[in-house]
Amino acid sequence: MLGNIAEWVYDDWNMTHYGTYRDTIAVDPVCEDSSGGRGLLKGGNFFDQPLFHRSASRLPCEKYAAFNLFGFRVALSVEAVRKALGRDGPPMPNAIE
């Protein structure tokens, strides 16, 4: 999915926030910056250089900016899709505990 559009994520932009996880394991770290100025895009878009086509790539952007190179991901579990379609099937193992 990388390189198609840059993905809006929940975090606010703070240049030093992710540096605090340099020596520790971070599972879904969230940066809620009280300044409220900039949002965060990750992954890069098809016009970006390959350097930005990484899930670890983070770029600041004004929170209310709209552009055809920005987007967000909608994700559903397999069970939710099956339920919505009215189909039964074996339960899928839960990969995230």
N, C-alpha and C. Protein backbone atom coordinates (compact mmCIF):
# COMPACT_ATOMS: atom_id res chain seq x y z
N MET A 1 0.81 -1.19 0.00
CA MET A 1 0.00 0.00 0.00
C MET A 1 0.86 1.26 0.00
N LEU A 2 2.13 1.13 0.20
CA LEU A 2 2.99 2.31 0.26
C LEU A 2 3.19 2.89 -1.13
N GLY A 3 3.26 4.22 -1.20
CA GLY A 3 3.54 4.88 -2.45
C GLY A 3 2.31 5.24 -3.27
N ASN A 4 1.15 4.79 -2.87
CA ASN A 4 -0.06 5.16 -3.58
C ASN A 4 -0.49 6.57 -3.15
N ILE A 5 -0.90 6.71 -1.91
CA ILE A 5 -1.17 8.02 -1.32
C ILE A 5 -0.54 8.06 0.06
N ALA A 6 -0.25 9.24 0.55
CA ALA A 6 0.23 9.39 1.92
C ALA A 6 -0.97 9.21 2.84
N GLU A 7 -0.79 8.47 3.92
CA GLU A 7 -1.90 8.11 4.81
C GLU A 7 -1.96 9.04 6.02
N TRP A 8 -3.14 9.64 6.22
CA TRP A 8 -3.36 10.41 7.44
C TRP A 8 -3.38 9.43 8.61
N VAL A 9 -2.70 9.76 9.69
CA VAL A 9 -2.75 8.95 10.90
C VAL A 9 -3.22 9.83 12.06
N TYR A 10 -3.58 9.20 13.15
CA TYR A 10 -4.17 9.89 14.30
C TYR A 10 -3.21 10.88 14.96
N ASP A 11 -1.94 10.60 14.92
CA ASP A 11 -0.95 11.39 15.66
C ASP A 11 -0.87 12.83 15.18
N ASP A 12 -0.45 13.68 16.10
CA ASP A 12 -0.07 15.05 15.77
C ASP A 12 1.41 15.05 15.42
N TRP A 13 1.85 16.08 14.72
CA TRP A 13 3.25 16.20 14.36
C TRP A 13 4.05 16.78 15.53
N ASN A 14 5.11 16.09 15.89
CA ASN A 14 6.08 16.58 16.87
C ASN A 14 7.41 15.99 16.44
N MET A 15 8.35 16.85 16.06
CA MET A 15 9.60 16.40 15.47
C MET A 15 10.39 15.45 16.37
N THR A 16 10.30 15.60 17.67
CA THR A 16 11.12 14.79 18.57
C THR A 16 10.38 13.61 19.19
N HIS A 17 9.08 13.49 18.99
CA HIS A 17 8.30 12.45 19.68
C HIS A 17 8.80 11.04 19.42
N TYR A 18 8.96 10.66 18.16
CA TYR A 18 9.35 9.28 17.85
C TYR A 18 10.79 8.98 18.26
N GLY A 19 11.61 10.00 18.41
CA GLY A 19 12.98 9.80 18.88
C GLY A 19 13.03 9.24 20.29
N THR A 20 11.96 9.44 21.07
CA THR A 20 11.94 8.91 22.44
C THR A 20 11.83 7.40 22.46
N TYR A 21 11.50 6.78 21.33
CA TYR A 21 11.38 5.32 21.24
C TYR A 21 12.61 4.68 20.58
N ARG A 22 13.68 5.43 20.46
CA ARG A 22 14.88 4.93 19.78
C ARG A 22 15.44 3.68 20.44
N ASP A 23 15.43 3.61 21.76
CA ASP A 23 16.04 2.49 22.47
C ASP A 23 15.02 1.58 23.14
N THR A 24 13.76 1.76 22.85
CA THR A 24 12.72 0.93 23.45
C THR A 24 11.77 0.44 22.37
N ILE A 25 11.02 -0.58 22.68
CA ILE A 25 10.02 -1.08 21.76
C ILE A 25 8.75 -0.26 21.93
N ALA A 26 8.21 0.21 20.84
CA ALA A 26 6.99 1.01 20.88
C ALA A 26 5.90 0.28 20.10
N VAL A 27 4.79 0.02 20.73
CA VAL A 27 3.66 -0.60 20.05
C VAL A 27 2.58 0.46 19.91
N ASP A 28 2.35 0.89 18.69
CA ASP A 28 1.36 1.91 18.39
C ASP A 28 1.50 3.16 19.25
N PRO A 29 2.67 3.81 19.21
CA PRO A 29 2.83 5.03 20.00
C PRO A 29 1.97 6.15 19.45
N VAL A 30 1.38 6.92 20.32
CA VAL A 30 0.50 8.02 19.90
C VAL A 30 1.08 9.34 20.40
N CYS A 31 1.14 10.30 19.52
CA CYS A 31 1.61 11.63 19.88
C CYS A 31 0.42 12.57 19.84
N GLU A 32 0.00 13.05 21.00
CA GLU A 32 -1.08 14.03 21.06
C GLU A 32 -0.47 15.35 21.50
N ASP A 33 -0.07 16.12 20.53
CA ASP A 33 0.60 17.39 20.78
C ASP A 33 -0.44 18.45 21.11
N SER A 34 -0.25 19.14 22.19
CA SER A 34 -1.24 20.12 22.64
C SER A 34 -1.29 21.36 21.76
N SER A 35 -0.28 21.57 20.92
CA SER A 35 -0.29 22.77 20.09
C SER A 35 -1.37 22.71 19.02
N GLY A 36 -1.75 21.50 18.59
CA GLY A 36 -2.85 21.34 17.65
C GLY A 36 -2.60 21.88 16.26
N GLY A 37 -1.36 22.17 15.92
CA GLY A 37 -1.08 22.80 14.64
C GLY A 37 -1.05 21.88 13.44
N ARG A 38 -0.26 20.82 13.51
CA ARG A 38 -0.05 19.99 12.32
C ARG A 38 -0.43 18.54 12.56
N GLY A 39 -0.95 17.93 11.52
CA GLY A 39 -1.24 16.51 11.55
C GLY A 39 -0.06 15.73 10.99
N LEU A 40 -0.25 14.42 10.84
CA LEU A 40 0.84 13.56 10.43
C LEU A 40 0.42 12.66 9.27
N LEU A 41 1.27 12.63 8.26
CA LEU A 41 1.09 11.74 7.12
C LEU A 41 2.19 10.70 7.15
N LYS A 42 1.88 9.48 6.74
CA LYS A 42 2.95 8.49 6.65
C LYS A 42 2.90 7.77 5.33
N GLY A 43 4.04 7.27 4.90
CA GLY A 43 4.11 6.39 3.75
C GLY A 43 4.40 7.01 2.40
N GLY A 44 4.23 8.28 2.23
CA GLY A 44 4.51 8.91 0.95
C GLY A 44 3.46 8.62 -0.12
N ASN A 45 3.53 9.36 -1.22
CA ASN A 45 2.58 9.18 -2.32
C ASN A 45 3.35 8.93 -3.62
N PHE A 46 2.63 8.73 -4.70
CA PHE A 46 3.29 8.33 -5.95
C PHE A 46 4.16 9.41 -6.57
N PHE A 47 4.06 10.67 -6.12
CA PHE A 47 4.94 11.71 -6.61
C PHE A 47 6.20 11.86 -5.76
N ASP A 48 6.21 11.26 -4.57
CA ASP A 48 7.37 11.38 -3.67
C ASP A 48 8.54 10.54 -4.16
N GLN A 49 9.72 10.91 -3.65
CA GLN A 49 10.91 10.11 -3.91
C GLN A 49 10.79 8.78 -3.16
N PRO A 50 11.45 7.72 -3.64
CA PRO A 50 11.38 6.41 -2.98
C PRO A 50 11.75 6.44 -1.50
N LEU A 51 12.56 7.38 -1.08
CA LEU A 51 12.93 7.51 0.33
C LEU A 51 11.71 7.60 1.23
N PHE A 52 10.63 8.21 0.75
CA PHE A 52 9.43 8.41 1.56
C PHE A 52 8.44 7.24 1.46
N HIS A 53 8.72 6.27 0.62
CA HIS A 53 7.82 5.12 0.46
C HIS A 53 8.14 4.05 1.49
N ARG A 54 8.09 4.43 2.73
CA ARG A 54 8.36 3.53 3.86
C ARG A 54 7.27 3.76 4.90
N SER A 55 6.86 2.70 5.58
CA SER A 55 5.84 2.88 6.62
C SER A 55 6.38 3.72 7.76
N ALA A 56 7.69 3.77 7.94
CA ALA A 56 8.29 4.58 9.01
C ALA A 56 8.41 6.06 8.63
N SER A 57 8.16 6.40 7.38
CA SER A 57 8.26 7.78 6.94
C SER A 57 7.12 8.60 7.54
N ARG A 58 7.45 9.72 8.16
CA ARG A 58 6.45 10.60 8.76
C ARG A 58 6.66 12.02 8.23
N LEU A 59 5.59 12.66 7.81
CA LEU A 59 5.67 14.02 7.28
C LEU A 59 4.60 14.89 7.92
N PRO A 60 4.95 16.12 8.31
CA PRO A 60 3.94 17.02 8.88
C PRO A 60 3.07 17.63 7.78
N CYS A 61 1.84 17.95 8.14
CA CYS A 61 0.93 18.60 7.19
C CYS A 61 -0.16 19.32 7.99
N GLU A 62 -0.61 20.42 7.47
CA GLU A 62 -1.71 21.13 8.12
C GLU A 62 -2.90 20.20 8.26
N LYS A 63 -3.56 20.19 9.42
CA LYS A 63 -4.62 19.22 9.70
C LYS A 63 -5.81 19.30 8.76
N TYR A 64 -6.08 20.44 8.21
CA TYR A 64 -7.27 20.59 7.37
C TYR A 64 -6.92 20.64 5.90
N ALA A 65 -5.71 20.24 5.55
CA ALA A 65 -5.30 20.23 4.14
C ALA A 65 -6.02 19.11 3.40
N ALA A 66 -6.46 19.39 2.21
CA ALA A 66 -7.10 18.39 1.36
C ALA A 66 -6.36 18.36 0.03
N PHE A 67 -5.99 17.16 -0.37
CA PHE A 67 -5.24 17.03 -1.62
C PHE A 67 -5.41 15.60 -2.11
N ASN A 68 -5.38 15.39 -3.40
CA ASN A 68 -5.62 14.04 -3.92
C ASN A 68 -4.47 13.07 -3.68
N LEU A 69 -3.43 13.50 -3.02
CA LEU A 69 -2.31 12.61 -2.68
C LEU A 69 -2.35 12.20 -1.22
N PHE A 70 -3.37 12.61 -0.47
CA PHE A 70 -3.53 12.25 0.94
C PHE A 70 -4.79 11.40 1.08
N GLY A 71 -4.79 10.49 2.03
CA GLY A 71 -5.97 9.68 2.26
C GLY A 71 -5.91 9.00 3.61
N PHE A 72 -6.80 8.08 3.85
CA PHE A 72 -6.77 7.31 5.09
C PHE A 72 -7.21 5.89 4.77
N ARG A 73 -6.85 4.98 5.65
CA ARG A 73 -7.13 3.57 5.43
C ARG A 73 -8.30 3.13 6.29
N VAL A 74 -9.23 2.43 5.67
CA VAL A 74 -10.35 1.83 6.40
C VAL A 74 -10.07 0.34 6.47
N ALA A 75 -10.04 -0.19 7.67
CA ALA A 75 -9.71 -1.61 7.83
C ALA A 75 -10.80 -2.31 8.63
N LEU A 76 -11.17 -3.49 8.18
CA LEU A 76 -12.15 -4.32 8.87
C LEU A 76 -11.56 -5.71 9.07
N SER A 77 -11.98 -6.36 10.13
CA SER A 77 -11.56 -7.74 10.34
C SER A 77 -12.28 -8.64 9.34
N VAL A 78 -11.74 -9.81 9.10
CA VAL A 78 -12.38 -10.76 8.19
C VAL A 78 -13.78 -11.12 8.71
N GLU A 79 -13.90 -11.27 10.03
CA GLU A 79 -15.20 -11.61 10.62
C GLU A 79 -16.23 -10.52 10.36
N ALA A 80 -15.83 -9.25 10.44
CA ALA A 80 -16.75 -8.15 10.20
C ALA A 80 -17.23 -8.14 8.75
N VAL A 81 -16.34 -8.44 7.82
CA VAL A 81 -16.72 -8.50 6.41
C VAL A 81 -17.68 -9.66 6.17
N ARG A 82 -17.38 -10.81 6.74
CA ARG A 82 -18.26 -11.96 6.58
C ARG A 82 -19.65 -11.66 7.14
N LYS A 83 -19.69 -11.02 8.30
CA LYS A 83 -20.98 -10.68 8.91
C LYS A 83 -21.75 -9.71 8.02
N ALA A 84 -21.06 -8.71 7.49
CA ALA A 84 -21.71 -7.73 6.63
C ALA A 84 -22.25 -8.38 5.35
N LEU A 85 -21.54 -9.39 4.85
CA LEU A 85 -21.97 -10.08 3.63
C LEU A 85 -22.93 -11.22 3.91
N GLY A 86 -23.13 -11.54 5.18
CA GLY A 86 -24.03 -12.62 5.55
C GLY A 86 -23.46 -14.00 5.24
N ARG A 87 -22.14 -14.13 5.28
CA ARG A 87 -21.49 -15.41 4.99
C ARG A 87 -20.89 -15.98 6.26
N ASP A 88 -20.93 -17.29 6.35
CA ASP A 88 -20.29 -17.98 7.46
C ASP A 88 -18.97 -18.57 6.98
N GLY A 89 -18.13 -18.86 7.91
CA GLY A 89 -16.86 -19.49 7.59
C GLY A 89 -16.11 -19.75 8.87
N PRO A 90 -15.02 -20.46 8.77
CA PRO A 90 -14.25 -20.72 9.99
C PRO A 90 -13.71 -19.42 10.56
N PRO A 91 -13.66 -19.30 11.88
CA PRO A 91 -13.11 -18.09 12.47
C PRO A 91 -11.63 -17.97 12.14
N MET A 92 -11.21 -16.76 11.90
CA MET A 92 -9.80 -16.50 11.62
C MET A 92 -9.06 -16.31 12.93
N PRO A 93 -7.81 -16.78 13.02
CA PRO A 93 -7.05 -16.57 14.25
C PRO A 93 -6.79 -15.09 14.47
N ASN A 94 -6.81 -14.67 15.70
CA ASN A 94 -6.58 -13.27 16.04
C ASN A 94 -5.08 -13.05 16.14
N ALA A 95 -4.51 -12.27 15.19
CA ALA A 95 -3.07 -12.06 15.15
C ALA A 95 -2.63 -11.00 16.16
N ILE A 96 -3.55 -10.14 16.56
CA ILE A 96 -3.20 -9.05 17.49
C ILE A 96 -3.88 -9.32 18.81
N GLU A 97 -3.12 -9.46 19.82
CA GLU A 97 -3.65 -9.71 21.16
C GLU A 97 -3.78 -8.42 21.93
